[in-house]
Amino acid sequence: MLGPKYGRRPIGRDSKKSSAAFDGRNGFGFGNPRNVDRPMIKRSAGVLLFRRCSRGVEVLLVHPGGPFWQRRNLGSWSIPKGEYDFEKESALEAAKRELQEETGIVVSGEFFELGAFVQPSGKLVSAWATESDFDPSHLRSNACRIEWPPHSGHFSDVPEIDRVQWFSVDEALTKIVKGQVGIVQALVQKVGEPKREQSAD
């Protein structure tokens, strides 16, 4: 899930444009929608956790680890996701696996599909959502080896995810990479945005 500076799964370049959901009819730039099934298209799958509280719906986003992302905030967060081989596992299985690997979260509840979102890079991100709570202090992320600075010959191990945080929908839309904005919007369309509690005068 690390960005292009590491030569790993790109988050950062997804932030250049907004995403588009693949609806099975026009393919959003793929021409023939059947092209989605071709192995040459890179695929990722992920899970957007959400919970309901007094201020409305909140979603759980993850922040990539490593020095390149250390001071980046707006437009740098993501849903927990990763690439998978559709010939070896389903998108939902991959999404659950990536959720556990990147955060330590194991959810046994109901998952519902938000759609498949074409990123500016051409990657297809399949997203699911599930309602569940999680304490960010319990984050357990896997580690990955990076070369930093690039081409320096110096390698070190960094957590793939350095922190997770709950955000309101409005906050999430500014924090998440632009290529995944449509995922949050799709969640709101599915579950709605509950009215915030009004305090008595």
C-alpha atoms as a PDB file:
ATOM      1  CA  MET A   1       0.000   0.000   0.000  1.00  0.00           C
ATOM      2  CA  LEU A   2       3.007   2.304   0.141  1.00  0.00           C
ATOM      3  CA  GLY A   3       3.284   5.031  -2.473  1.00  0.00           C
ATOM      4  CA  PRO A   4       5.369   5.410  -5.631  1.00  0.00           C
ATOM      5  CA  LYS A   5       8.414   6.765  -3.806  1.00  0.00           C
ATOM      6  CA  TYR A   6       8.854   3.262  -2.393  1.00  0.00           C
ATOM      7  CA  GLY A   7       8.065   1.430  -5.611  1.00  0.00           C
ATOM      8  CA  ARG A   8       5.204  -0.296  -3.803  1.00  0.00           C
ATOM      9  CA  ARG A   9       1.411  -0.190  -3.965  1.00  0.00           C
ATOM     10  CA  PRO A  10       0.609   3.406  -4.983  1.00  0.00           C
ATOM     11  CA  ILE A  11      -1.598   5.527  -2.764  1.00  0.00           C
ATOM     12  CA  GLY A  12      -0.117   8.901  -3.563  1.00  0.00           C
ATOM     13  CA  ARG A  13      -0.666   8.938  -7.294  1.00  0.00           C
ATOM     14  CA  ASP A  14      -4.300   8.042  -6.699  1.00  0.00           C
ATOM     15  CA  SER A  15      -4.682  11.532  -5.222  1.00  0.00           C
ATOM     16  CA  LYS A  16      -4.465  13.388  -8.541  1.00  0.00           C
ATOM     17  CA  LYS A  17      -8.069  12.923  -9.691  1.00  0.00           C
ATOM     18  CA  SER A  18     -11.445  11.836  -8.394  1.00  0.00           C
ATOM     19  CA  SER A  19     -12.514   8.234  -8.695  1.00  0.00           C
ATOM     20  CA  ALA A  20     -15.303   6.832 -10.822  1.00  0.00           C
ATOM     21  CA  ALA A  21     -17.389   3.827  -9.917  1.00  0.00           C
ATOM     22  CA  PHE A  22     -17.503   1.030 -12.473  1.00  0.00           C
ATOM     23  CA  ASP A  23     -21.161   0.227 -13.061  1.00  0.00           C
ATOM     24  CA  GLY A  24     -20.782  -2.625 -15.552  1.00  0.00           C
ATOM     25  CA  ARG A  25     -22.202  -0.622 -18.465  1.00  0.00           C
ATOM     26  CA  ASN A  26     -19.674   1.869 -19.786  1.00  0.00           C
ATOM     27  CA  GLY A  27     -16.427   0.788 -18.130  1.00  0.00           C
ATOM     28  CA  PHE A  28     -15.359   4.423 -17.464  1.00  0.00           C
ATOM     29  CA  GLY A  29     -12.584   4.604 -20.023  1.00  0.00           C
ATOM     30  CA  PHE A  30     -11.991   0.907 -20.499  1.00  0.00           C
ATOM     31  CA  GLY A  31     -14.057   0.887 -23.717  1.00  0.00           C
ATOM     32  CA  ASN A  32     -15.565  -2.586 -23.680  1.00  0.00           C
ATOM     33  CA  PRO A  33     -16.617  -3.231 -20.039  1.00  0.00           C
ATOM     34  CA  ARG A  34     -15.481  -6.843 -20.404  1.00  0.00           C
ATOM     35  CA  ASN A  35     -11.918  -5.504 -20.306  1.00  0.00           C
ATOM     36  CA  VAL A  36     -12.308  -5.358 -16.527  1.00  0.00           C
ATOM     37  CA  ASP A  37     -11.772  -9.106 -16.454  1.00  0.00           C
ATOM     38  CA  ARG A  38      -8.383  -8.934 -18.142  1.00  0.00           C
ATOM     39  CA  PRO A  39      -5.416  -9.820 -15.897  1.00  0.00           C
ATOM     40  CA  MET A  40      -3.448  -6.767 -17.103  1.00  0.00           C
ATOM     41  CA  ILE A  41      -5.629  -4.483 -14.964  1.00  0.00           C
ATOM     42  CA  LYS A  42      -4.227  -4.105 -11.453  1.00  0.00           C
ATOM     43  CA  ARG A  43      -6.818  -4.797  -8.795  1.00  0.00           C
ATOM     44  CA  SER A  44      -7.058  -3.826  -5.147  1.00  0.00           C
ATOM     45  CA  ALA A  45      -9.696  -4.614  -2.561  1.00  0.00           C
ATOM     46  CA  GLY A  46     -10.395  -2.975   0.757  1.00  0.00           C
ATOM     47  CA  VAL A  47     -12.836  -2.421   3.600  1.00  0.00           C
ATOM     48  CA  LEU A  48     -14.296   0.821   4.896  1.00  0.00           C
ATOM     49  CA  LEU A  49     -15.270   0.450   8.537  1.00  0.00           C
ATOM     50  CA  PHE A  50     -17.957   2.794   9.808  1.00  0.00           C
ATOM     51  CA  ARG A  51     -19.754   3.464  13.055  1.00  0.00           C
ATOM     52  CA  ARG A  52     -22.670   5.655  14.121  1.00  0.00           C
ATOM     53  CA  CYS A  53     -22.384   8.177  16.919  1.00  0.00           C
ATOM     54  CA  SER A  54     -23.967  11.420  18.101  1.00  0.00           C
ATOM     55  CA  ARG A  55     -22.248  13.452  15.393  1.00  0.00           C
ATOM     56  CA  GLY A  56     -23.338  11.099  12.630  1.00  0.00           C
ATOM     57  CA  VAL A  57     -21.481   8.459  10.632  1.00  0.00           C
ATOM     58  CA  GLU A  58     -17.746   8.098  11.208  1.00  0.00           C
ATOM     59  CA  VAL A  59     -15.346   6.127   9.022  1.00  0.00           C
ATOM     60  CA  LEU A  60     -11.999   4.558   9.845  1.00  0.00           C
ATOM     61  CA  LEU A  61      -9.100   5.565   7.593  1.00  0.00           C
ATOM     62  CA  VAL A  62      -5.462   4.497   7.659  1.00  0.00           C
ATOM     63  CA  HIS A  63      -2.300   6.553   7.156  1.00  0.00           C
ATOM     64  CA  PRO A  64       0.719   5.004   5.373  1.00  0.00           C
ATOM     65  CA  GLY A  65       3.941   4.644   7.310  1.00  0.00           C
ATOM     66  CA  GLY A  66       7.469   5.633   6.341  1.00  0.00           C
ATOM     67  CA  PRO A  67       9.349   8.930   6.006  1.00  0.00           C
ATOM     68  CA  PHE A  68       7.771   9.990   2.705  1.00  0.00           C
ATOM     69  CA  TRP A  69       4.291  10.117   4.266  1.00  0.00           C
ATOM     70  CA  GLN A  70       5.311  11.203   7.763  1.00  0.00           C
ATOM     71  CA  ARG A  71       4.296  14.866   7.462  1.00  0.00           C
ATOM     72  CA  ARG A  72       1.551  14.427   4.851  1.00  0.00           C
ATOM     73  CA  ASN A  73      -2.023  14.679   6.010  1.00  0.00           C
ATOM     74  CA  LEU A  74      -4.683  16.072   3.674  1.00  0.00           C
ATOM     75  CA  GLY A  75      -5.310  13.767   0.742  1.00  0.00           C
ATOM     76  CA  SER A  76      -2.995  11.105   2.146  1.00  0.00           C
ATOM     77  CA  TRP A  77      -5.306   8.737   4.031  1.00  0.00           C
ATOM     78  CA  SER A  78      -6.895   5.604   2.603  1.00  0.00           C
ATOM     79  CA  ILE A  79      -9.175   2.700   3.313  1.00  0.00           C
ATOM     80  CA  PRO A  80      -7.195  -0.425   4.286  1.00  0.00           C
ATOM     81  CA  LYS A  81      -6.639  -2.102   0.926  1.00  0.00           C
ATOM     82  CA  GLY A  82      -4.148  -4.012  -1.180  1.00  0.00           C
ATOM     83  CA  GLU A  83      -3.594  -5.754  -4.473  1.00  0.00           C
ATOM     84  CA  TYR A  84      -4.775  -9.292  -5.095  1.00  0.00           C
ATOM     85  CA  ASP A  85      -4.873 -11.973  -7.780  1.00  0.00           C
ATOM     86  CA  PHE A  86      -8.517 -12.475  -8.786  1.00  0.00           C
ATOM     87  CA  GLU A  87      -7.681 -15.946 -10.079  1.00  0.00           C
ATOM     88  CA  LYS A  88      -6.593 -17.051  -6.590  1.00  0.00           C
ATOM     89  CA  GLU A  89      -8.991 -15.277  -4.218  1.00  0.00           C
ATOM     90  CA  SER A  90     -12.167 -13.263  -4.379  1.00  0.00           C
ATOM     91  CA  ALA A  91     -12.148  -9.510  -3.936  1.00  0.00           C
ATOM     92  CA  LEU A  92     -14.005  -9.786  -0.628  1.00  0.00           C
ATOM     93  CA  GLU A  93     -11.569 -12.379   0.720  1.00  0.00           C
ATOM     94  CA  ALA A  94      -8.696 -10.111  -0.276  1.00  0.00           C
ATOM     95  CA  ALA A  95     -10.347  -7.098   1.341  1.00  0.00           C
ATOM     96  CA  LYS A  96     -10.754  -8.927   4.658  1.00  0.00           C
ATOM     97  CA  ARG A  97      -7.170 -10.196   4.491  1.00  0.00           C
ATOM     98  CA  GLU A  98      -5.767  -6.734   3.815  1.00  0.00           C
ATOM     99  CA  LEU A  99      -7.827  -5.287   6.666  1.00  0.00           C
ATOM    100  CA  GLN A 100      -6.316  -7.783   9.097  1.00  0.00           C
ATOM    101  CA  GLU A 101      -2.762  -7.490   7.753  1.00  0.00           C
ATOM    102  CA  GLU A 102      -2.693  -3.707   7.808  1.00  0.00           C
ATOM    103  CA  THR A 103      -4.594  -3.036  11.036  1.00  0.00           C
ATOM    104  CA  GLY A 104      -5.040  -6.269  12.982  1.00  0.00           C
ATOM    105  CA  ILE A 105      -8.824  -5.890  12.681  1.00  0.00           C
ATOM    106  CA  VAL A 106     -10.887  -9.053  12.260  1.00  0.00           C
ATOM    107  CA  VAL A 107     -14.582  -8.448  11.610  1.00  0.00           C
ATOM    108  CA  SER A 108     -17.129 -11.246  11.542  1.00  0.00           C
ATOM    109  CA  GLY A 109     -20.163  -9.086  10.841  1.00  0.00           C
ATOM    110  CA  GLU A 110     -22.010  -8.422   7.609  1.00  0.00           C
ATOM    111  CA  PHE A 111     -20.176  -6.831   4.688  1.00  0.00           C
ATOM    112  CA  PHE A 112     -21.907  -4.993   1.874  1.00  0.00           C
ATOM    113  CA  GLU A 113     -20.398  -3.946  -1.415  1.00  0.00           C
ATOM    114  CA  LEU A 114     -19.828  -0.275  -2.208  1.00  0.00           C
ATOM    115  CA  GLY A 115     -18.662  -0.815  -5.772  1.00  0.00           C
ATOM    116  CA  ALA A 116     -15.526  -0.916  -7.899  1.00  0.00           C
ATOM    117  CA  PHE A 117     -13.718   2.383  -8.357  1.00  0.00           C
ATOM    118  CA  VAL A 118     -11.362   3.154 -11.218  1.00  0.00           C
ATOM    119  CA  GLN A 119      -8.318   5.090 -10.014  1.00  0.00           C
ATOM    120  CA  PRO A 120      -6.371   7.662 -12.070  1.00  0.00           C
ATOM    121  CA  SER A 121      -3.601   5.062 -12.368  1.00  0.00           C
ATOM    122  CA  GLY A 122      -6.054   2.657 -14.026  1.00  0.00           C
ATOM    123  CA  LYS A 123      -6.196   0.366 -11.010  1.00  0.00           C
ATOM    124  CA  LEU A 124      -9.608  -1.020 -10.064  1.00  0.00           C
ATOM    125  CA  VAL A 125     -10.379  -0.787  -6.332  1.00  0.00           C
ATOM    126  CA  SER A 126     -13.234  -2.956  -5.054  1.00  0.00           C
ATOM    127  CA  ALA A 127     -14.585  -1.688  -1.750  1.00  0.00           C
ATOM    128  CA  TRP A 128     -16.814  -3.184   0.930  1.00  0.00           C
ATOM    129  CA  ALA A 129     -18.172  -1.667   4.123  1.00  0.00           C
ATOM    130  CA  THR A 130     -19.059  -3.079   7.495  1.00  0.00           C
ATOM    131  CA  GLU A 131     -20.313  -1.481  10.685  1.00  0.00           C
ATOM    132  CA  SER A 132     -17.928  -2.087  13.564  1.00  0.00           C
ATOM    133  CA  ASP A 133     -16.044  -0.200  16.263  1.00  0.00           C
ATOM    134  CA  PHE A 134     -12.284  -0.201  16.777  1.00  0.00           C
ATOM    135  CA  ASP A 135      -9.895   1.426  19.237  1.00  0.00           C
ATOM    136  CA  PRO A 136      -7.089   3.062  17.188  1.00  0.00           C
ATOM    137  CA  SER A 137      -4.627   2.382  20.013  1.00  0.00           C
ATOM    138  CA  HIS A 138      -4.968  -1.338  19.193  1.00  0.00           C
ATOM    139  CA  LEU A 139      -3.495  -0.905  15.705  1.00  0.00           C
ATOM    140  CA  ARG A 140      -1.221  -3.798  14.659  1.00  0.00           C
ATOM    141  CA  SER A 141       0.220  -3.314  11.204  1.00  0.00           C
ATOM    142  CA  ASN A 142       2.537  -5.510   9.205  1.00  0.00           C
ATOM    143  CA  ALA A 143       5.992  -4.160   8.275  1.00  0.00           C
ATOM    144  CA  CYS A 144       7.621  -3.694   4.900  1.00  0.00           C
ATOM    145  CA  ARG A 145      11.180  -2.968   3.789  1.00  0.00           C
ATOM    146  CA  ILE A 146      11.867   0.249   1.923  1.00  0.00           C
ATOM    147  CA  GLU A 147      14.881   1.964   0.410  1.00  0.00           C
ATOM    148  CA  TRP A 148      15.177   5.474   1.809  1.00  0.00           C
ATOM    149  CA  PRO A 149      16.273   7.861   0.546  1.00  0.00           C
ATOM    150  CA  PRO A 150      15.466   6.434  -2.900  1.00  0.00           C
ATOM    151  CA  HIS A 151      18.457   4.889  -4.707  1.00  0.00           C
ATOM    152  CA  SER A 152      20.594   5.319  -1.573  1.00  0.00           C
ATOM    153  CA  GLY A 153      21.193   1.617  -0.972  1.00  0.00           C
ATOM    154  CA  HIS A 154      19.962   2.091   2.600  1.00  0.00           C
ATOM    155  CA  PHE A 155      17.060  -0.171   3.576  1.00  0.00           C
ATOM    156  CA  SER A 156      14.911  -0.151   6.690  1.00  0.00           C
ATOM    157  CA  ASP A 157      11.707  -1.749   7.943  1.00  0.00           C
ATOM    158  CA  VAL A 158       8.712   0.522   8.485  1.00  0.00           C
ATOM    159  CA  PRO A 159       5.099  -0.188   9.431  1.00  0.00           C
ATOM    160  CA  GLU A 160       2.879  -0.258   6.385  1.00  0.00           C
ATOM    161  CA  ILE A 161       0.326   1.743   8.403  1.00  0.00           C
ATOM    162  CA  ASP A 162       1.525   4.128  11.104  1.00  0.00           C
ATOM    163  CA  ARG A 163      -1.866   5.213  12.458  1.00  0.00           C
ATOM    164  CA  VAL A 164      -5.617   4.872  12.044  1.00  0.00           C
ATOM    165  CA  GLN A 165      -8.273   7.399  12.952  1.00  0.00           C
ATOM    166  CA  TRP A 166     -12.025   7.866  12.957  1.00  0.00           C
ATOM    167  CA  PHE A 167     -13.294  10.782  10.888  1.00  0.00           C
ATOM    168  CA  SER A 168     -16.675  12.299  10.233  1.00  0.00           C
ATOM    169  CA  VAL A 169     -17.811  12.026   6.620  1.00  0.00           C
ATOM    170  CA  ASP A 170     -16.918  15.666   5.934  1.00  0.00           C
ATOM    171  CA  GLU A 171     -13.460  15.212   7.469  1.00  0.00           C
ATOM    172  CA  ALA A 172     -12.882  11.984   5.576  1.00  0.00           C
ATOM    173  CA  LEU A 173     -13.609  13.637   2.249  1.00  0.00           C
ATOM    174  CA  THR A 174     -10.664  16.003   2.827  1.00  0.00           C
ATOM    175  CA  LYS A 175      -8.311  13.416   4.348  1.00  0.00           C
ATOM    176  CA  ILE A 176      -8.733  10.525   1.908  1.00  0.00           C
ATOM    177  CA  VAL A 177      -6.852  10.359  -1.389  1.00  0.00           C
ATOM    178  CA  LYS A 178      -8.991  11.819  -4.143  1.00  0.00           C
ATOM    179  CA  GLY A 179      -9.133   8.519  -5.990  1.00  0.00           C
ATOM    180  CA  GLN A 180     -11.121   7.070  -3.062  1.00  0.00           C
ATOM    181  CA  VAL A 181     -13.513   9.954  -2.425  1.00  0.00           C
ATOM    182  CA  GLY A 182     -16.216   8.034  -4.277  1.00  0.00           C
ATOM    183  CA  ILE A 183     -15.933   5.177  -1.771  1.00  0.00           C
ATOM    184  CA  VAL A 184     -16.942   7.417   1.129  1.00  0.00           C
ATOM    185  CA  GLN A 185     -19.708   8.956  -0.952  1.00  0.00           C
ATOM    186  CA  ALA A 186     -21.010   5.491  -1.844  1.00  0.00           C
ATOM    187  CA  LEU A 187     -21.171   4.601   1.859  1.00  0.00           C
ATOM    188  CA  VAL A 188     -23.265   7.688   2.611  1.00  0.00           C
ATOM    189  CA  GLN A 189     -25.648   6.741  -0.208  1.00  0.00           C
ATOM    190  CA  LYS A 190     -26.013   3.258   1.309  1.00  0.00           C
ATOM    191  CA  VAL A 191     -26.419   4.098   5.009  1.00  0.00           C
ATOM    192  CA  GLY A 192     -27.362   7.773   4.929  1.00  0.00           C
ATOM    193  CA  GLU A 193     -25.999  10.537   7.096  1.00  0.00           C
ATOM    194  CA  PRO A 194     -27.941  10.480  10.418  1.00  0.00           C
ATOM    195  CA  LYS A 195     -29.134  13.812  11.729  1.00  0.00           C
ATOM    196  CA  ARG A 196     -26.875  15.271  14.386  1.00  0.00           C
ATOM    197  CA  GLU A 197     -28.314  15.653  17.850  1.00  0.00           C
ATOM    198  CA  GLN A 198     -29.497  19.155  18.672  1.00  0.00           C
ATOM    199  CA  SER A 199     -28.756  20.538  22.106  1.00  0.00           C
ATOM    200  CA  ALA A 200     -31.627  22.092  24.007  1.00  0.00           C
ATOM    201  CA  ASP A 201     -31.546  25.863  24.524  1.00  0.00           C
END
